[in-house]
Amino acid sequence: METLWFCLVAIMITGYVILDGYDLGAGFVHLFAAKTKDERALVLKSIGPYWDGNEVWLLAGGGTLFFAFPGLYASSFSGFYLPLMMVLWLLMLRGISIELRNHIDSPIWHPFWDLTFGIASALLAVFYGAALGNVIRGVPLNREGEFFLPLWTHWGVHGNVGILDWYTVLTGVFALSALAMHGSLWVWLKTGGALQARVRRLAFTCTIVTAGLTLLVSLVTFSVQPKISESFAERPWGVVFPLIALAGLAGVFLYLRQENEPRAFIASCVYLLGMMTSVVFGVFPMVLPSNGDPNLSLTIYNTAAAHYGLRIGLMWWVPGTILAGIYSLIVYRRFAGKVG
């Protein structure tokens, strides 16, 4: 039962990365691709019907995590309190930027909120990437499963670490690059004309940078977290997940050259799916490694709720998730096609 819920949490978080990832990326790339007020409005319109619905999956993933693994939730939300507050503020800034942008017709008002939206989107992508880097690297857990991380310490990956070090900053930059690629492909899919041509060129650049960072981060990760190497050695079939990521990245290059907008975006989704599942497979059964004594790591077994609760919860989780999925499908079908 613990393994099943671990997979469900991973599915929810991966779904959020894929769905909200493109509007985070769109928010960042619109600072460079959109040259006029009307073009910036088009980028915002391309994500307008979806962005708040996409964030539902963040809430659903957090709720699933809280229900299934309360020990992990309690430890991580207290240990990561500072970055979580920063993420909360960035989420609010993105929302109010979209909502307030058109309230006043002013040459200062529009650019201010566009810049705020772009910076908040970029910082969220960086923080999400750094958070994933912290989960891979591990944190200084004590015997009670508690920890607290300052924003930074000595910038190393061992001992008394901070939230930011050379590895987590690298994963943050990597996440920004990957989501910029994802977002630019979405804007390319939803727009036309000069803006579309400009975004396509930007998507090529982001894809090249993402490919290089994928190789670099993958090599570094094996040295930072030995458990990942052990997982692939013990279960060689797991190589299918990195292969999915490589196939998705190759598909992005191919369909960009062929100017096939829908397939390029789907390939980007496949890439993110492969990268996220590779991490999940690599750290399993740990949910939060210890960067000191591995025996102090939080796993799906020592943080899970009681089996009875997990069984009953599954009976409510399935219909709730189906309803949320139906809502998303209706919205995406209703607003399909290019924005004008």
C-alpha atoms as a PDB file:
ATOM      1  CA  MET A   1       0.000   0.000   0.000  1.00  0.00           C
ATOM      2  CA  GLU A   2       2.883   2.400   0.759  1.00  0.00           C
ATOM      3  CA  THR A   3       4.376   1.813  -2.695  1.00  0.00           C
ATOM      4  CA  LEU A   4       1.021   2.483  -4.358  1.00  0.00           C
ATOM      5  CA  TRP A   5       0.621   5.809  -2.573  1.00  0.00           C
ATOM      6  CA  PHE A   6       4.226   6.710  -3.347  1.00  0.00           C
ATOM      7  CA  CYS A   7       3.425   6.213  -7.034  1.00  0.00           C
ATOM      8  CA  LEU A   8       0.211   8.251  -6.737  1.00  0.00           C
ATOM      9  CA  VAL A   9       2.049  11.168  -5.114  1.00  0.00           C
ATOM     10  CA  ALA A  10       4.711  10.972  -7.831  1.00  0.00           C
ATOM     11  CA  ILE A  11       2.000  11.016 -10.520  1.00  0.00           C
ATOM     12  CA  MET A  12       0.349  14.088  -8.991  1.00  0.00           C
ATOM     13  CA  ILE A  13       3.611  16.022  -8.709  1.00  0.00           C
ATOM     14  CA  THR A  14       4.720  15.024 -12.213  1.00  0.00           C
ATOM     15  CA  GLY A  15       1.342  16.080 -13.588  1.00  0.00           C
ATOM     16  CA  TYR A  16       1.725  19.452 -11.894  1.00  0.00           C
ATOM     17  CA  VAL A  17       5.222  19.930 -13.339  1.00  0.00           C
ATOM     18  CA  ILE A  18       3.961  19.180 -16.856  1.00  0.00           C
ATOM     19  CA  LEU A  19       0.801  21.291 -16.641  1.00  0.00           C
ATOM     20  CA  ASP A  20       1.863  24.292 -14.575  1.00  0.00           C
ATOM     21  CA  GLY A  21       5.376  24.026 -15.994  1.00  0.00           C
ATOM     22  CA  TYR A  22       4.366  25.402 -19.369  1.00  0.00           C
ATOM     23  CA  ASP A  23       2.683  28.496 -17.939  1.00  0.00           C
ATOM     24  CA  LEU A  24       5.677  29.116 -15.661  1.00  0.00           C
ATOM     25  CA  GLY A  25       7.889  28.843 -18.727  1.00  0.00           C
ATOM     26  CA  ALA A  26       5.559  31.041 -20.766  1.00  0.00           C
ATOM     27  CA  GLY A  27       5.689  33.697 -18.068  1.00  0.00           C
ATOM     28  CA  PHE A  28       9.479  33.732 -18.233  1.00  0.00           C
ATOM     29  CA  VAL A  29       9.943  33.599 -22.016  1.00  0.00           C
ATOM     30  CA  HIS A  30       7.353  36.291 -22.712  1.00  0.00           C
ATOM     31  CA  LEU A  31       9.866  38.802 -21.362  1.00  0.00           C
ATOM     32  CA  PHE A  32      12.125  37.985 -24.324  1.00  0.00           C
ATOM     33  CA  ALA A  33       9.770  36.815 -27.081  1.00  0.00           C
ATOM     34  CA  ALA A  34       6.959  39.381 -26.849  1.00  0.00           C
ATOM     35  CA  LYS A  35       8.004  42.807 -28.116  1.00  0.00           C
ATOM     36  CA  THR A  36       4.760  44.782 -27.828  1.00  0.00           C
ATOM     37  CA  LYS A  37       1.945  45.177 -25.338  1.00  0.00           C
ATOM     38  CA  ASP A  38      -0.389  43.245 -27.644  1.00  0.00           C
ATOM     39  CA  GLU A  39       2.062  40.352 -27.980  1.00  0.00           C
ATOM     40  CA  ARG A  40       2.487  40.141 -24.216  1.00  0.00           C
ATOM     41  CA  ALA A  41      -1.284  40.108 -23.902  1.00  0.00           C
ATOM     42  CA  LEU A  42      -1.406  37.205 -26.384  1.00  0.00           C
ATOM     43  CA  VAL A  43       1.048  35.181 -24.294  1.00  0.00           C
ATOM     44  CA  LEU A  44      -1.045  35.790 -21.196  1.00  0.00           C
ATOM     45  CA  LYS A  45      -4.185  34.879 -23.124  1.00  0.00           C
ATOM     46  CA  SER A  46      -2.583  31.578 -24.194  1.00  0.00           C
ATOM     47  CA  ILE A  47      -2.377  30.486 -20.552  1.00  0.00           C
ATOM     48  CA  GLY A  48      -5.317  32.492 -19.217  1.00  0.00           C
ATOM     49  CA  PRO A  49      -7.979  29.735 -19.101  1.00  0.00           C
ATOM     50  CA  TYR A  50      -5.592  27.138 -17.683  1.00  0.00           C
ATOM     51  CA  TRP A  51      -3.076  28.520 -15.182  1.00  0.00           C
ATOM     52  CA  ASP A  52      -5.275  28.528 -12.082  1.00  0.00           C
ATOM     53  CA  GLY A  53      -6.684  25.086 -12.947  1.00  0.00           C
ATOM     54  CA  ASN A  54      -3.151  23.778 -13.371  1.00  0.00           C
ATOM     55  CA  GLU A  55      -2.301  24.881  -9.837  1.00  0.00           C
ATOM     56  CA  VAL A  56      -5.122  22.684  -8.533  1.00  0.00           C
ATOM     57  CA  TRP A  57      -2.766  19.763  -9.103  1.00  0.00           C
ATOM     58  CA  LEU A  58      -0.218  21.347  -6.757  1.00  0.00           C
ATOM     59  CA  LEU A  59      -2.871  21.495  -4.030  1.00  0.00           C
ATOM     60  CA  ALA A  60      -4.005  17.965  -4.840  1.00  0.00           C
ATOM     61  CA  GLY A  61      -0.427  16.681  -4.737  1.00  0.00           C
ATOM     62  CA  GLY A  62       0.217  18.419  -1.411  1.00  0.00           C
ATOM     63  CA  GLY A  63      -3.024  17.026  -0.006  1.00  0.00           C
ATOM     64  CA  THR A  64      -2.158  13.526  -1.173  1.00  0.00           C
ATOM     65  CA  LEU A  65       1.295  13.835   0.372  1.00  0.00           C
ATOM     66  CA  PHE A  66      -0.191  15.037   3.672  1.00  0.00           C
ATOM     67  CA  PHE A  67      -2.679  12.173   3.764  1.00  0.00           C
ATOM     68  CA  ALA A  68      -0.404   9.318   2.708  1.00  0.00           C
ATOM     69  CA  PHE A  69       2.904  10.337   4.313  1.00  0.00           C
ATOM     70  CA  PRO A  70       2.157  12.647   7.265  1.00  0.00           C
ATOM     71  CA  GLY A  71       5.625  12.053   8.738  1.00  0.00           C
ATOM     72  CA  LEU A  72       7.275  13.411   5.593  1.00  0.00           C
ATOM     73  CA  TYR A  73       4.840  16.317   5.428  1.00  0.00           C
ATOM     74  CA  ALA A  74       5.542  17.327   9.028  1.00  0.00           C
ATOM     75  CA  SER A  75       9.307  17.091   8.663  1.00  0.00           C
ATOM     76  CA  SER A  76       9.666  18.760   5.268  1.00  0.00           C
ATOM     77  CA  PHE A  77       7.220  21.606   5.835  1.00  0.00           C
ATOM     78  CA  SER A  78       8.985  22.628   9.034  1.00  0.00           C
ATOM     79  CA  GLY A  79      12.505  22.100   7.656  1.00  0.00           C
ATOM     80  CA  PHE A  80      11.766  23.928   4.392  1.00  0.00           C
ATOM     81  CA  TYR A  81       9.669  26.640   6.051  1.00  0.00           C
ATOM     82  CA  LEU A  82      11.642  29.593   4.619  1.00  0.00           C
ATOM     83  CA  PRO A  83      11.576  28.533   0.938  1.00  0.00           C
ATOM     84  CA  LEU A  84       7.945  27.443   1.237  1.00  0.00           C
ATOM     85  CA  MET A  85       6.972  30.944   2.357  1.00  0.00           C
ATOM     86  CA  MET A  86       8.933  32.382  -0.571  1.00  0.00           C
ATOM     87  CA  VAL A  87       7.167  30.024  -2.987  1.00  0.00           C
ATOM     88  CA  LEU A  88       3.818  31.064  -1.529  1.00  0.00           C
ATOM     89  CA  TRP A  89       4.576  34.734  -2.130  1.00  0.00           C
ATOM     90  CA  LEU A  90       5.755  34.031  -5.676  1.00  0.00           C
ATOM     91  CA  LEU A  91       2.559  32.110  -6.427  1.00  0.00           C
ATOM     92  CA  MET A  92       0.516  35.051  -5.164  1.00  0.00           C
ATOM     93  CA  LEU A  93       2.570  37.522  -7.204  1.00  0.00           C
ATOM     94  CA  ARG A  94       1.921  35.536 -10.391  1.00  0.00           C
ATOM     95  CA  GLY A  95      -1.798  35.472  -9.706  1.00  0.00           C
ATOM     96  CA  ILE A  96      -2.215  39.147  -8.925  1.00  0.00           C
ATOM     97  CA  SER A  97       0.019  40.107 -11.857  1.00  0.00           C
ATOM     98  CA  ILE A  98      -2.368  38.406 -14.269  1.00  0.00           C
ATOM     99  CA  GLU A  99      -5.472  39.783 -12.565  1.00  0.00           C
ATOM    100  CA  LEU A 100      -4.314  43.389 -12.018  1.00  0.00           C
ATOM    101  CA  ARG A 101      -2.524  43.927 -15.343  1.00  0.00           C
ATOM    102  CA  ASN A 102      -5.569  45.198 -17.231  1.00  0.00           C
ATOM    103  CA  HIS A 103      -7.190  47.208 -14.445  1.00  0.00           C
ATOM    104  CA  ILE A 104      -5.477  50.468 -15.443  1.00  0.00           C
ATOM    105  CA  ASP A 105      -4.558  51.550 -18.971  1.00  0.00           C
ATOM    106  CA  SER A 106      -1.154  53.084 -18.323  1.00  0.00           C
ATOM    107  CA  PRO A 107       2.281  52.916 -20.005  1.00  0.00           C
ATOM    108  CA  ILE A 108       3.803  52.191 -16.578  1.00  0.00           C
ATOM    109  CA  TRP A 109       1.167  49.866 -15.126  1.00  0.00           C
ATOM    110  CA  HIS A 110       1.269  47.179 -17.851  1.00  0.00           C
ATOM    111  CA  PRO A 111       5.084  46.814 -18.047  1.00  0.00           C
ATOM    112  CA  PHE A 112       5.349  46.702 -14.251  1.00  0.00           C
ATOM    113  CA  TRP A 113       2.979  43.766 -13.894  1.00  0.00           C
ATOM    114  CA  ASP A 114       4.415  42.019 -16.968  1.00  0.00           C
ATOM    115  CA  LEU A 115       7.874  42.229 -15.416  1.00  0.00           C
ATOM    116  CA  THR A 116       6.547  41.057 -12.052  1.00  0.00           C
ATOM    117  CA  PHE A 117       4.829  38.111 -13.707  1.00  0.00           C
ATOM    118  CA  GLY A 118       7.960  37.129 -15.629  1.00  0.00           C
ATOM    119  CA  ILE A 119      10.309  37.392 -12.633  1.00  0.00           C
ATOM    120  CA  ALA A 120       7.904  35.516 -10.326  1.00  0.00           C
ATOM    121  CA  SER A 121       7.538  32.751 -12.915  1.00  0.00           C
ATOM    122  CA  ALA A 122      11.302  32.441 -13.353  1.00  0.00           C
ATOM    123  CA  LEU A 123      11.996  32.395  -9.606  1.00  0.00           C
ATOM    124  CA  LEU A 124       9.310  29.756  -9.049  1.00  0.00           C
ATOM    125  CA  ALA A 125      10.940  27.517 -11.644  1.00  0.00           C
ATOM    126  CA  VAL A 126      14.333  28.012  -9.965  1.00  0.00           C
ATOM    127  CA  PHE A 127      12.919  27.313  -6.485  1.00  0.00           C
ATOM    128  CA  TYR A 128      11.129  24.173  -7.669  1.00  0.00           C
ATOM    129  CA  GLY A 129      14.357  22.943  -9.245  1.00  0.00           C
ATOM    130  CA  ALA A 130      16.331  23.749  -6.092  1.00  0.00           C
ATOM    131  CA  ALA A 131      13.700  21.923  -4.004  1.00  0.00           C
ATOM    132  CA  LEU A 132      14.122  18.833  -6.175  1.00  0.00           C
ATOM    133  CA  GLY A 133      17.881  19.173  -5.778  1.00  0.00           C
ATOM    134  CA  ASN A 134      17.455  19.206  -1.986  1.00  0.00           C
ATOM    135  CA  VAL A 135      15.378  16.019  -2.127  1.00  0.00           C
ATOM    136  CA  ILE A 136      18.052  14.300  -4.233  1.00  0.00           C
ATOM    137  CA  ARG A 137      21.041  15.567  -2.232  1.00  0.00           C
ATOM    138  CA  GLY A 138      19.470  14.947   1.171  1.00  0.00           C
ATOM    139  CA  VAL A 139      19.163  17.039   4.322  1.00  0.00           C
ATOM    140  CA  PRO A 140      20.745  16.811   7.804  1.00  0.00           C
ATOM    141  CA  LEU A 141      18.030  14.762   9.523  1.00  0.00           C
ATOM    142  CA  ASN A 142      18.344  13.945  13.222  1.00  0.00           C
ATOM    143  CA  ARG A 143      17.063  10.799  14.962  1.00  0.00           C
ATOM    144  CA  GLU A 144      13.615  12.376  15.402  1.00  0.00           C
ATOM    145  CA  GLY A 145      13.384  12.972  11.635  1.00  0.00           C
ATOM    146  CA  GLU A 146      13.696  16.737  12.074  1.00  0.00           C
ATOM    147  CA  PHE A 147      15.845  19.352  10.369  1.00  0.00           C
ATOM    148  CA  PHE A 148      15.920  23.028   9.515  1.00  0.00           C
ATOM    149  CA  LEU A 149      17.787  24.553   6.596  1.00  0.00           C
ATOM    150  CA  PRO A 150      18.935  28.179   6.313  1.00  0.00           C
ATOM    151  CA  LEU A 151      18.969  29.707   2.860  1.00  0.00           C
ATOM    152  CA  TRP A 152      22.687  28.884   2.471  1.00  0.00           C
ATOM    153  CA  THR A 153      25.747  27.955   4.535  1.00  0.00           C
ATOM    154  CA  HIS A 154      29.085  26.911   3.033  1.00  0.00           C
ATOM    155  CA  TRP A 155      27.751  26.078  -0.467  1.00  0.00           C
ATOM    156  CA  GLY A 156      28.868  22.447  -0.128  1.00  0.00           C
ATOM    157  CA  VAL A 157      26.703  19.336  -0.520  1.00  0.00           C
ATOM    158  CA  HIS A 158      27.814  17.567   2.668  1.00  0.00           C
ATOM    159  CA  GLY A 159      27.447  18.298   6.369  1.00  0.00           C
ATOM    160  CA  ASN A 160      25.548  21.339   7.572  1.00  0.00           C
ATOM    161  CA  VAL A 161      24.064  22.304   4.213  1.00  0.00           C
ATOM    162  CA  GLY A 162      21.685  25.088   3.271  1.00  0.00           C
ATOM    163  CA  ILE A 163      18.813  25.199   0.819  1.00  0.00           C
ATOM    164  CA  LEU A 164      21.130  26.710  -1.792  1.00  0.00           C
ATOM    165  CA  ASP A 165      24.500  25.209  -2.678  1.00  0.00           C
ATOM    166  CA  TRP A 166      26.343  24.665  -5.920  1.00  0.00           C
ATOM    167  CA  TYR A 167      24.269  21.554  -6.705  1.00  0.00           C
ATOM    168  CA  THR A 168      20.811  22.923  -5.879  1.00  0.00           C
ATOM    169  CA  VAL A 169      21.573  26.157  -7.749  1.00  0.00           C
ATOM    170  CA  LEU A 170      22.545  24.005 -10.742  1.00  0.00           C
ATOM    171  CA  THR A 171      19.284  22.045 -10.536  1.00  0.00           C
ATOM    172  CA  GLY A 172      17.400  25.337 -10.207  1.00  0.00           C
ATOM    173  CA  VAL A 173      18.969  26.730 -13.385  1.00  0.00           C
ATOM    174  CA  PHE A 174      18.298  23.413 -15.108  1.00  0.00           C
ATOM    175  CA  ALA A 175      14.621  23.550 -14.104  1.00  0.00           C
ATOM    176  CA  LEU A 176      14.351  27.116 -15.431  1.00  0.00           C
ATOM    177  CA  SER A 177      15.846  26.048 -18.762  1.00  0.00           C
ATOM    178  CA  ALA A 178      13.599  22.980 -19.078  1.00  0.00           C
ATOM    179  CA  LEU A 179      10.427  24.900 -18.235  1.00  0.00           C
ATOM    180  CA  ALA A 180      11.453  27.772 -20.532  1.00  0.00           C
ATOM    181  CA  MET A 181      11.659  25.201 -23.329  1.00  0.00           C
ATOM    182  CA  HIS A 182       8.299  23.746 -22.294  1.00  0.00           C
ATOM    183  CA  GLY A 183       6.664  27.171 -22.077  1.00  0.00           C
ATOM    184  CA  SER A 184       8.042  28.437 -25.373  1.00  0.00           C
ATOM    185  CA  LEU A 185       6.706  25.338 -27.128  1.00  0.00           C
ATOM    186  CA  TRP A 186       3.281  26.020 -25.613  1.00  0.00           C
ATOM    187  CA  VAL A 187       3.302  29.646 -26.800  1.00  0.00           C
ATOM    188  CA  TRP A 188       4.496  28.444 -30.224  1.00  0.00           C
ATOM    189  CA  LEU A 189       1.524  26.073 -30.280  1.00  0.00           C
ATOM    190  CA  LYS A 190      -1.032  28.711 -29.279  1.00  0.00           C
ATOM    191  CA  THR A 191       0.062  31.800 -31.241  1.00  0.00           C
ATOM    192  CA  GLY A 192       0.831  32.843 -34.807  1.00  0.00           C
ATOM    193  CA  GLY A 193       2.626  35.454 -36.881  1.00  0.00           C
ATOM    194  CA  ALA A 194       5.831  37.207 -35.872  1.00  0.00           C
ATOM    195  CA  LEU A 195       5.434  36.230 -32.213  1.00  0.00           C
ATOM    196  CA  GLN A 196       5.229  32.555 -33.139  1.00  0.00           C
ATOM    197  CA  ALA A 197       8.361  32.742 -35.309  1.00  0.00           C
ATOM    198  CA  ARG A 198      10.258  34.497 -32.521  1.00  0.00           C
ATOM    199  CA  VAL A 199       9.147  31.936 -29.931  1.00  0.00           C
ATOM    200  CA  ARG A 200      10.203  29.063 -32.186  1.00  0.00           C
ATOM    201  CA  ARG A 201      13.749  30.424 -32.363  1.00  0.00           C
ATOM    202  CA  LEU A 202      13.748  30.852 -28.602  1.00  0.00           C
ATOM    203  CA  ALA A 203      12.503  27.280 -28.183  1.00  0.00           C
ATOM    204  CA  PHE A 204      15.476  26.013 -30.220  1.00  0.00           C
ATOM    205  CA  THR A 205      17.881  27.896 -27.956  1.00  0.00           C
ATOM    206  CA  CYS A 206      16.202  26.657 -24.777  1.00  0.00           C
ATOM    207  CA  THR A 207      16.213  23.069 -26.065  1.00  0.00           C
ATOM    208  CA  ILE A 208      19.945  23.172 -26.802  1.00  0.00           C
ATOM    209  CA  VAL A 209      20.680  24.605 -23.338  1.00  0.00           C
ATOM    210  CA  THR A 210      18.373  22.037 -21.715  1.00  0.00           C
ATOM    211  CA  ALA A 211      20.087  19.169 -23.529  1.00  0.00           C
ATOM    212  CA  GLY A 212      23.502  20.289 -22.262  1.00  0.00           C
ATOM    213  CA  LEU A 213      22.253  20.806 -18.706  1.00  0.00           C
ATOM    214  CA  THR A 214      20.484  17.420 -18.756  1.00  0.00           C
ATOM    215  CA  LEU A 215      23.811  15.700 -19.385  1.00  0.00           C
ATOM    216  CA  LEU A 216      25.675  17.812 -16.815  1.00  0.00           C
ATOM    217  CA  VAL A 217      23.067  17.468 -14.038  1.00  0.00           C
ATOM    218  CA  SER A 218      22.697  13.728 -14.642  1.00  0.00           C
ATOM    219  CA  LEU A 219      26.434  13.116 -14.310  1.00  0.00           C
ATOM    220  CA  VAL A 220      26.733  15.296 -11.206  1.00  0.00           C
ATOM    221  CA  THR A 221      23.675  13.704  -9.563  1.00  0.00           C
ATOM    222  CA  PHE A 222      25.220  10.238  -9.578  1.00  0.00           C
ATOM    223  CA  SER A 223      28.139  11.557  -7.531  1.00  0.00           C
ATOM    224  CA  VAL A 224      26.025  13.679  -5.171  1.00  0.00           C
ATOM    225  CA  GLN A 225      23.520  10.901  -4.373  1.00  0.00           C
ATOM    226  CA  PRO A 226      25.030   7.363  -4.594  1.00  0.00           C
ATOM    227  CA  LYS A 227      21.608   5.813  -3.900  1.00  0.00           C
ATOM    228  CA  ILE A 228      20.549   6.616  -7.457  1.00  0.00           C
ATOM    229  CA  SER A 229      23.403   4.562  -8.920  1.00  0.00           C
ATOM    230  CA  GLU A 230      22.512   1.713  -6.554  1.00  0.00           C
ATOM    231  CA  SER A 231      18.865   1.807  -7.634  1.00  0.00           C
ATOM    232  CA  PHE A 232      19.703   1.484 -11.321  1.00  0.00           C
ATOM    233  CA  ALA A 233      22.256  -1.249 -10.572  1.00  0.00           C
ATOM    234  CA  GLU A 234      19.753  -3.255  -8.487  1.00  0.00           C
ATOM    235  CA  ARG A 235      16.843  -2.768 -10.925  1.00  0.00           C
ATOM    236  CA  PRO A 236      18.325  -2.358 -14.434  1.00  0.00           C
ATOM    237  CA  TRP A 237      14.866  -2.176 -15.999  1.00  0.00           C
ATOM    238  CA  GLY A 238      14.654   1.359 -14.570  1.00  0.00           C
ATOM    239  CA  VAL A 239      16.809   2.580 -17.457  1.00  0.00           C
ATOM    240  CA  VAL A 240      13.525   2.882 -19.355  1.00  0.00           C
ATOM    241  CA  PHE A 241      12.808   6.165 -17.530  1.00  0.00           C
ATOM    242  CA  PRO A 242      15.964   8.019 -18.684  1.00  0.00           C
ATOM    243  CA  LEU A 243      15.337   6.612 -22.170  1.00  0.00           C
ATOM    244  CA  ILE A 244      11.852   8.144 -22.116  1.00  0.00           C
ATOM    245  CA  ALA A 245      13.421  11.505 -21.274  1.00  0.00           C
ATOM    246  CA  LEU A 246      15.994  11.189 -24.074  1.00  0.00           C
ATOM    247  CA  ALA A 247      13.286  10.187 -26.558  1.00  0.00           C
ATOM    248  CA  GLY A 248      11.219  13.214 -25.552  1.00  0.00           C
ATOM    249  CA  LEU A 249      14.171  15.583 -25.943  1.00  0.00           C
ATOM    250  CA  ALA A 250      15.027  14.112 -29.344  1.00  0.00           C
ATOM    251  CA  GLY A 251      11.385  14.520 -30.329  1.00  0.00           C
ATOM    252  CA  VAL A 252      11.474  18.209 -29.424  1.00  0.00           C
ATOM    253  CA  PHE A 253      14.441  18.762 -31.753  1.00  0.00           C
ATOM    254  CA  LEU A 254      12.821  16.720 -34.541  1.00  0.00           C
ATOM    255  CA  TYR A 255       9.397  18.353 -34.428  1.00  0.00           C
ATOM    256  CA  LEU A 256      10.819  21.845 -34.064  1.00  0.00           C
ATOM    257  CA  ARG A 257      12.673  21.287 -37.332  1.00  0.00           C
ATOM    258  CA  GLN A 258       9.529  19.851 -38.939  1.00  0.00           C
ATOM    259  CA  GLU A 259       7.479  22.760 -37.521  1.00  0.00           C
ATOM    260  CA  ASN A 260       5.014  20.328 -35.986  1.00  0.00           C
ATOM    261  CA  GLU A 261       3.702  22.348 -33.054  1.00  0.00           C
ATOM    262  CA  PRO A 262       1.470  19.786 -31.240  1.00  0.00           C
ATOM    263  CA  ARG A 263       4.016  16.966 -31.417  1.00  0.00           C
ATOM    264  CA  ALA A 264       6.851  19.203 -30.233  1.00  0.00           C
ATOM    265  CA  PHE A 265       4.862  20.159 -27.143  1.00  0.00           C
ATOM    266  CA  ILE A 266       3.879  16.538 -26.476  1.00  0.00           C
ATOM    267  CA  ALA A 267       7.543  15.533 -26.816  1.00  0.00           C
ATOM    268  CA  SER A 268       8.406  18.149 -24.196  1.00  0.00           C
ATOM    269  CA  CYS A 269       5.780  16.618 -21.888  1.00  0.00           C
ATOM    270  CA  VAL A 270       7.361  13.201 -22.459  1.00  0.00           C
ATOM    271  CA  TYR A 271      10.791  14.623 -21.600  1.00  0.00           C
ATOM    272  CA  LEU A 272       9.574  16.059 -18.286  1.00  0.00           C
ATOM    273  CA  LEU A 273       7.772  12.796 -17.536  1.00  0.00           C
ATOM    274  CA  GLY A 274      10.977  10.830 -18.118  1.00  0.00           C
ATOM    275  CA  MET A 275      13.101  13.153 -15.974  1.00  0.00           C
ATOM    276  CA  MET A 276      10.671  13.162 -13.041  1.00  0.00           C
ATOM    277  CA  THR A 277      10.163   9.385 -13.078  1.00  0.00           C
ATOM    278  CA  SER A 278      13.937   8.870 -13.262  1.00  0.00           C
ATOM    279  CA  VAL A 279      14.355  10.826 -10.022  1.00  0.00           C
ATOM    280  CA  VAL A 280      11.470   9.002  -8.344  1.00  0.00           C
ATOM    281  CA  PHE A 281      12.886   5.635  -9.360  1.00  0.00           C
ATOM    282  CA  GLY A 282      16.375   6.612  -8.246  1.00  0.00           C
ATOM    283  CA  VAL A 283      15.509   7.644  -4.686  1.00  0.00           C
ATOM    284  CA  PHE A 284      12.848   4.960  -4.008  1.00  0.00           C
ATOM    285  CA  PRO A 285      12.003   3.905  -1.301  1.00  0.00           C
ATOM    286  CA  MET A 286      13.373   7.078   0.275  1.00  0.00           C
ATOM    287  CA  VAL A 287      11.208  10.190   0.232  1.00  0.00           C
ATOM    288  CA  LEU A 288      13.764  12.455   1.925  1.00  0.00           C
ATOM    289  CA  PRO A 289      17.336  11.167   2.182  1.00  0.00           C
ATOM    290  CA  SER A 290      19.711  11.999   5.004  1.00  0.00           C
ATOM    291  CA  ASN A 291      22.969  13.515   3.780  1.00  0.00           C
ATOM    292  CA  GLY A 292      24.719  12.135   6.870  1.00  0.00           C
ATOM    293  CA  ASP A 293      23.659   8.740   8.184  1.00  0.00           C
ATOM    294  CA  PRO A 294      21.574   6.913   5.507  1.00  0.00           C
ATOM    295  CA  ASN A 295      19.771   5.034   8.283  1.00  0.00           C
ATOM    296  CA  LEU A 296      18.126   8.303   9.345  1.00  0.00           C
ATOM    297  CA  SER A 297      16.520   8.833   5.925  1.00  0.00           C
ATOM    298  CA  LEU A 298      12.762   9.197   5.692  1.00  0.00           C
ATOM    299  CA  THR A 299      11.218   6.400   3.628  1.00  0.00           C
ATOM    300  CA  ILE A 300       7.749   5.414   2.496  1.00  0.00           C
ATOM    301  CA  TYR A 301       7.674   2.921   5.365  1.00  0.00           C
ATOM    302  CA  ASN A 302       8.575   5.115   8.339  1.00  0.00           C
ATOM    303  CA  THR A 303       6.491   8.129   7.268  1.00  0.00           C
ATOM    304  CA  ALA A 304       3.301   6.497   5.931  1.00  0.00           C
ATOM    305  CA  ALA A 305      -0.131   6.646   7.542  1.00  0.00           C
ATOM    306  CA  ALA A 306      -1.797   3.514   8.911  1.00  0.00           C
ATOM    307  CA  HIS A 307      -2.826   0.866   6.362  1.00  0.00           C
ATOM    308  CA  TYR A 308      -6.512   1.229   7.231  1.00  0.00           C
ATOM    309  CA  GLY A 309      -6.410   4.953   6.493  1.00  0.00           C
ATOM    310  CA  LEU A 310      -4.543   4.381   3.244  1.00  0.00           C
ATOM    311  CA  ARG A 311      -7.160   1.860   2.079  1.00  0.00           C
ATOM    312  CA  ILE A 312     -10.107   4.094   2.948  1.00  0.00           C
ATOM    313  CA  GLY A 313      -8.383   7.140   1.466  1.00  0.00           C
ATOM    314  CA  LEU A 314      -7.967   5.374  -1.849  1.00  0.00           C
ATOM    315  CA  MET A 315     -11.749   5.022  -2.119  1.00  0.00           C
ATOM    316  CA  TRP A 316     -12.070   8.823  -1.969  1.00  0.00           C
ATOM    317  CA  TRP A 317      -8.915   9.708  -3.889  1.00  0.00           C
ATOM    318  CA  VAL A 318      -9.959   7.895  -7.075  1.00  0.00           C
ATOM    319  CA  PRO A 319     -13.329   9.646  -7.695  1.00  0.00           C
ATOM    320  CA  GLY A 320     -11.909  13.006  -6.614  1.00  0.00           C
ATOM    321  CA  THR A 321      -9.032  12.736  -9.057  1.00  0.00           C
ATOM    322  CA  ILE A 322     -11.357  11.592 -11.839  1.00  0.00           C
ATOM    323  CA  LEU A 323     -13.564  14.671 -11.308  1.00  0.00           C
ATOM    324  CA  ALA A 324     -10.538  16.998 -11.396  1.00  0.00           C
ATOM    325  CA  GLY A 325      -9.299  15.245 -14.539  1.00  0.00           C
ATOM    326  CA  ILE A 326     -12.681  15.630 -16.255  1.00  0.00           C
ATOM    327  CA  TYR A 327     -12.696  19.339 -15.420  1.00  0.00           C
ATOM    328  CA  SER A 328      -9.232  19.760 -16.942  1.00  0.00           C
ATOM    329  CA  LEU A 329     -10.227  17.892 -20.104  1.00  0.00           C
ATOM    330  CA  ILE A 330     -13.320  20.060 -20.548  1.00  0.00           C
ATOM    331  CA  VAL A 331     -11.301  23.267 -20.145  1.00  0.00           C
ATOM    332  CA  TYR A 332      -8.600  22.174 -22.586  1.00  0.00           C
ATOM    333  CA  ARG A 333     -11.168  21.091 -25.186  1.00  0.00           C
ATOM    334  CA  ARG A 334     -13.222  24.237 -24.732  1.00  0.00           C
ATOM    335  CA  PHE A 335     -10.254  26.573 -25.308  1.00  0.00           C
ATOM    336  CA  ALA A 336      -8.396  24.489 -27.889  1.00  0.00           C
ATOM    337  CA  GLY A 337      -6.769  26.198 -30.841  1.00  0.00           C
ATOM    338  CA  LYS A 338      -4.765  29.372 -31.267  1.00  0.00           C
ATOM    339  CA  VAL A 339      -5.485  32.601 -29.435  1.00  0.00           C
ATOM    340  CA  GLY A 340      -6.335  35.717 -31.388  1.00  0.00           C
END
